[in-house]
């Protein structure tokens, strides 16, 4: 997480080197100069008080993880695009839908360049994301939410009636369903409505 060696307990350059990429990934957008200044200020103020660079970084990381940009996924639209999602909002939606996680650097770069708001750029990124192994995680998360499969973890059956039912039955049913859907969609490349 720390690619630089701090020169002292207060090292502004090293703090920014650590915090800026983390904030870009967590907040799913480019940082303004004010964002960078706030991150470094929080971290270095704490480092000065604690007389510990790494202790100060903890506060900078906490600042990132407590920010509304991390906790929420705003989708306000871009007035210049007629209210359509801007590149970063689109990257966030795509990533959480297809991968069930935050956008990677390549997706954020496509958003920054403006490629993601073009048909060709969007198509290229969707193809890249679907070819990635993380797409299976996204598919599994979608199906789990869609069908309420999480409830199978607490499945209980009357042992006097269902003699073969044990605590592993519910999780096994969930996994069987997920494997079927993954096989149908990813391996067979069959249409989703056929499910």
Protein backbone atom coordinates (compact mmCIF):
# COMPACT_ATOMS: atom_id res chain seq x y z
CA UNK A 1 0.00 0.00 0.00
CA UNK A 2 2.95 2.33 0.62
CA UNK A 3 5.22 2.47 -2.45
CA UNK A 4 7.44 5.21 -0.98
CA UNK A 5 9.63 5.56 2.08
CA UNK A 6 8.61 8.51 4.25
CA UNK A 7 11.47 10.92 4.93
CA UNK A 8 9.95 11.96 8.29
CA UNK A 9 6.73 11.63 10.25
CA UNK A 10 5.34 14.41 8.04
CA UNK A 11 6.04 13.71 4.36
CA UNK A 12 3.49 15.41 2.11
CA UNK A 13 4.72 13.90 -1.15
CA UNK A 14 4.76 10.33 0.13
CA UNK A 15 1.32 10.77 1.72
CA UNK A 16 -0.15 11.96 -1.59
CA UNK A 17 1.57 9.09 -3.43
CA UNK A 18 -0.21 6.65 -1.11
CA UNK A 19 -3.61 8.31 -0.72
CA UNK A 20 -4.38 9.69 -4.20
CA UNK A 21 -4.57 6.35 -6.07
CA UNK A 22 -6.53 4.80 -3.23
CA UNK A 23 -9.02 7.68 -3.21
CA UNK A 24 -9.38 7.55 -7.01
CA UNK A 25 -10.29 3.87 -6.84
CA UNK A 26 -12.55 4.17 -3.79
CA UNK A 27 -14.34 7.32 -4.95
CA UNK A 28 -14.51 6.07 -8.56
CA UNK A 29 -13.54 9.41 -10.08
CA UNK A 30 -10.61 11.74 -10.67
CA UNK A 31 -9.49 13.82 -7.73
CA UNK A 32 -9.60 17.58 -7.73
CA UNK A 33 -6.71 19.58 -6.34
CA UNK A 34 -8.88 20.35 -3.29
CA UNK A 35 -9.48 16.60 -2.77
CA UNK A 36 -5.73 15.98 -2.80
CA UNK A 37 -5.06 18.83 -0.38
CA UNK A 38 -7.72 17.61 2.06
CA UNK A 39 -6.40 14.05 2.00
CA UNK A 40 -2.84 15.15 2.66
CA UNK A 41 -3.90 17.69 5.30
CA UNK A 42 -5.89 15.13 7.32
CA UNK A 43 -3.14 12.56 7.12
CA UNK A 44 -0.24 14.90 7.85
CA UNK A 45 -2.06 16.74 10.66
CA UNK A 46 -2.60 13.38 12.38
CA UNK A 47 1.00 12.36 11.62
CA UNK A 48 2.25 15.58 13.22
CA UNK A 49 0.13 15.06 16.35
CA UNK A 50 1.04 11.36 16.61
CA UNK A 51 4.63 11.89 15.43
CA UNK A 52 4.05 8.84 13.20
CA UNK A 53 3.71 8.89 9.39
CA UNK A 54 1.86 5.56 9.26
CA UNK A 55 -0.47 6.55 12.10
CA UNK A 56 -1.32 9.65 10.09
CA UNK A 57 -2.01 7.51 7.01
CA UNK A 58 -4.62 5.62 9.00
CA UNK A 59 -6.55 8.86 9.36
CA UNK A 60 -6.17 9.62 5.66
CA UNK A 61 -7.48 6.17 4.74
CA UNK A 62 -10.34 6.56 7.23
CA UNK A 63 -11.16 9.91 5.56
CA UNK A 64 -11.39 8.12 2.19
CA UNK A 65 -13.57 5.30 3.52
CA UNK A 66 -15.93 7.64 5.41
CA UNK A 67 -16.50 9.99 2.48
CA UNK A 68 -19.94 10.03 0.82
CA UNK A 69 -18.21 9.36 -2.53
CA UNK A 70 -17.17 5.96 -1.18
CA UNK A 71 -20.29 5.13 0.79
CA UNK A 72 -22.80 6.11 -1.90
CA UNK A 73 -23.01 5.75 -5.66
CA UNK A 74 -24.37 9.05 -6.94
CA UNK A 75 -25.83 9.07 -10.42
CA UNK A 76 -26.83 12.67 -11.10
CA UNK A 77 -26.14 12.71 -14.83
CA UNK A 78 -24.15 15.18 -16.85
CA UNK A 79 -26.03 18.26 -18.12
CA UNK A 80 -23.62 18.40 -21.10
CA UNK A 81 -24.78 14.90 -22.06
CA UNK A 82 -28.49 15.71 -21.82
CA UNK A 83 -28.75 14.28 -18.31
CA UNK A 84 -27.17 10.95 -19.28
CA UNK A 85 -24.69 9.37 -16.88
CA UNK A 86 -21.18 10.76 -17.14
CA UNK A 87 -18.24 8.43 -17.70
CA UNK A 88 -17.51 7.87 -14.01
CA UNK A 89 -21.13 7.23 -13.11
CA UNK A 90 -21.39 4.79 -16.00
CA UNK A 91 -18.13 3.07 -14.97
CA UNK A 92 -19.47 2.66 -11.45
CA UNK A 93 -22.81 1.24 -12.62
CA UNK A 94 -21.11 -1.14 -15.04
CA UNK A 95 -18.59 -2.34 -12.53
CA UNK A 96 -21.03 -3.00 -9.72
CA UNK A 97 -23.46 -4.70 -12.10
CA UNK A 98 -20.99 -6.85 -14.02
CA UNK A 99 -18.32 -7.45 -11.36
CA UNK A 100 -20.03 -6.62 -8.05
CA UNK A 101 -17.07 -4.42 -7.14
CA UNK A 102 -15.49 -1.03 -7.84
CA UNK A 103 -14.17 -0.12 -11.31
CA UNK A 104 -10.61 -1.10 -12.13
CA UNK A 105 -8.00 1.38 -13.37
CA UNK A 106 -8.70 0.60 -17.05
CA UNK A 107 -12.40 1.38 -16.64
CA UNK A 108 -11.65 4.61 -14.78
CA UNK A 109 -9.17 5.54 -17.52
CA UNK A 110 -11.87 4.94 -20.15
CA UNK A 111 -14.19 7.20 -18.15
CA UNK A 112 -11.50 9.89 -17.86
CA UNK A 113 -10.74 9.84 -21.59
CA UNK A 114 -14.43 10.14 -22.53
CA UNK A 115 -14.32 6.81 -24.39
CA UNK A 116 -16.91 5.26 -22.09
CA UNK A 117 -19.67 7.65 -23.19
CA UNK A 118 -19.26 6.61 -26.84
CA UNK A 119 -20.99 3.52 -28.26
CA UNK A 120 -17.72 1.93 -29.40
CA UNK A 121 -15.94 2.68 -26.14
CA UNK A 122 -18.80 1.36 -24.05
CA UNK A 123 -19.04 -1.80 -26.15
CA UNK A 124 -15.28 -2.42 -25.88
CA UNK A 125 -15.32 -2.02 -22.09
CA UNK A 126 -18.37 -4.27 -21.65
CA UNK A 127 -16.71 -6.97 -23.78
CA UNK A 128 -13.49 -6.65 -21.74
CA UNK A 129 -15.38 -6.84 -18.46
CA UNK A 130 -17.45 -9.86 -19.50
CA UNK A 131 -14.28 -11.71 -20.51
CA UNK A 132 -12.80 -11.09 -17.05
CA UNK A 133 -13.23 -13.80 -14.36
CA UNK A 134 -14.82 -11.18 -12.08
CA UNK A 135 -17.91 -11.30 -14.32
CA UNK A 136 -18.82 -14.61 -12.72
CA UNK A 137 -18.79 -12.95 -9.29
CA UNK A 138 -21.15 -10.28 -10.60
CA UNK A 139 -23.45 -12.87 -12.15
CA UNK A 140 -23.53 -14.89 -8.93
CA UNK A 141 -24.30 -11.77 -6.87
CA UNK A 142 -27.08 -10.73 -9.27
CA UNK A 143 -28.72 -14.17 -9.21
CA UNK A 144 -28.38 -14.43 -5.42
CA UNK A 145 -30.19 -11.10 -5.01
CA UNK A 146 -32.71 -11.78 -7.76
CA UNK A 147 -33.80 -15.17 -6.44
CA UNK A 148 -33.24 -14.48 -2.74
CA UNK A 149 -30.73 -17.32 -2.50
CA UNK A 150 -29.11 -15.90 0.64
CA UNK A 151 -32.16 -17.10 2.56
CA UNK A 152 -31.13 -20.69 1.87
CA UNK A 153 -28.30 -20.34 4.40
CA UNK A 154 -30.91 -20.44 7.18
CA UNK A 155 -33.04 -23.19 5.64
CA UNK A 156 -34.41 -25.53 8.26
CA UNK A 157 -36.56 -28.58 7.71
CA UNK A 158 -38.35 -30.76 10.22
CA UNK A 159 -35.92 -33.65 10.79
CA UNK A 160 -38.82 -35.99 11.58
CA UNK A 161 -40.29 -35.46 8.10
CA UNK A 162 -37.17 -34.74 6.04
CA UNK A 163 -34.77 -37.38 7.31
CA UNK A 164 -31.99 -36.63 4.81
CA UNK A 165 -32.05 -32.85 5.32
CA UNK A 166 -29.08 -31.45 7.19
CA UNK A 167 -27.53 -28.02 7.69
CA UNK A 168 -25.68 -28.34 4.39
CA UNK A 169 -28.88 -28.66 2.33
CA UNK A 170 -29.64 -24.93 1.95
CA UNK A 171 -26.09 -23.88 0.98
CA UNK A 172 -25.91 -26.83 -1.44
CA UNK A 173 -29.19 -25.78 -3.06
CA UNK A 174 -27.88 -22.21 -3.45
CA UNK A 175 -24.59 -23.40 -4.97
CA UNK A 176 -26.36 -25.78 -7.36
CA UNK A 177 -28.59 -22.96 -8.60
CA UNK A 178 -25.65 -20.60 -9.04
CA UNK A 179 -23.58 -23.19 -10.91
CA UNK A 180 -26.52 -23.91 -13.22
CA UNK A 181 -26.96 -20.22 -14.07
CA UNK A 182 -23.22 -19.66 -14.56
CA UNK A 183 -23.03 -22.70 -16.84
CA UNK A 184 -26.06 -21.55 -18.81
CA UNK A 185 -24.93 -17.94 -19.25
CA UNK A 186 -21.12 -18.16 -19.33
CA UNK A 187 -20.30 -21.64 -20.64
CA UNK A 188 -23.19 -22.21 -23.05
CA UNK A 189 -23.55 -18.51 -23.94
CA UNK A 190 -27.29 -19.21 -24.01
CA UNK A 191 -29.84 -16.38 -23.89
CA UNK A 192 -30.74 -15.28 -20.39
CA UNK A 193 -34.53 -15.50 -21.02
CA UNK A 194 -34.11 -19.26 -21.62
CA UNK A 195 -33.51 -19.70 -17.89
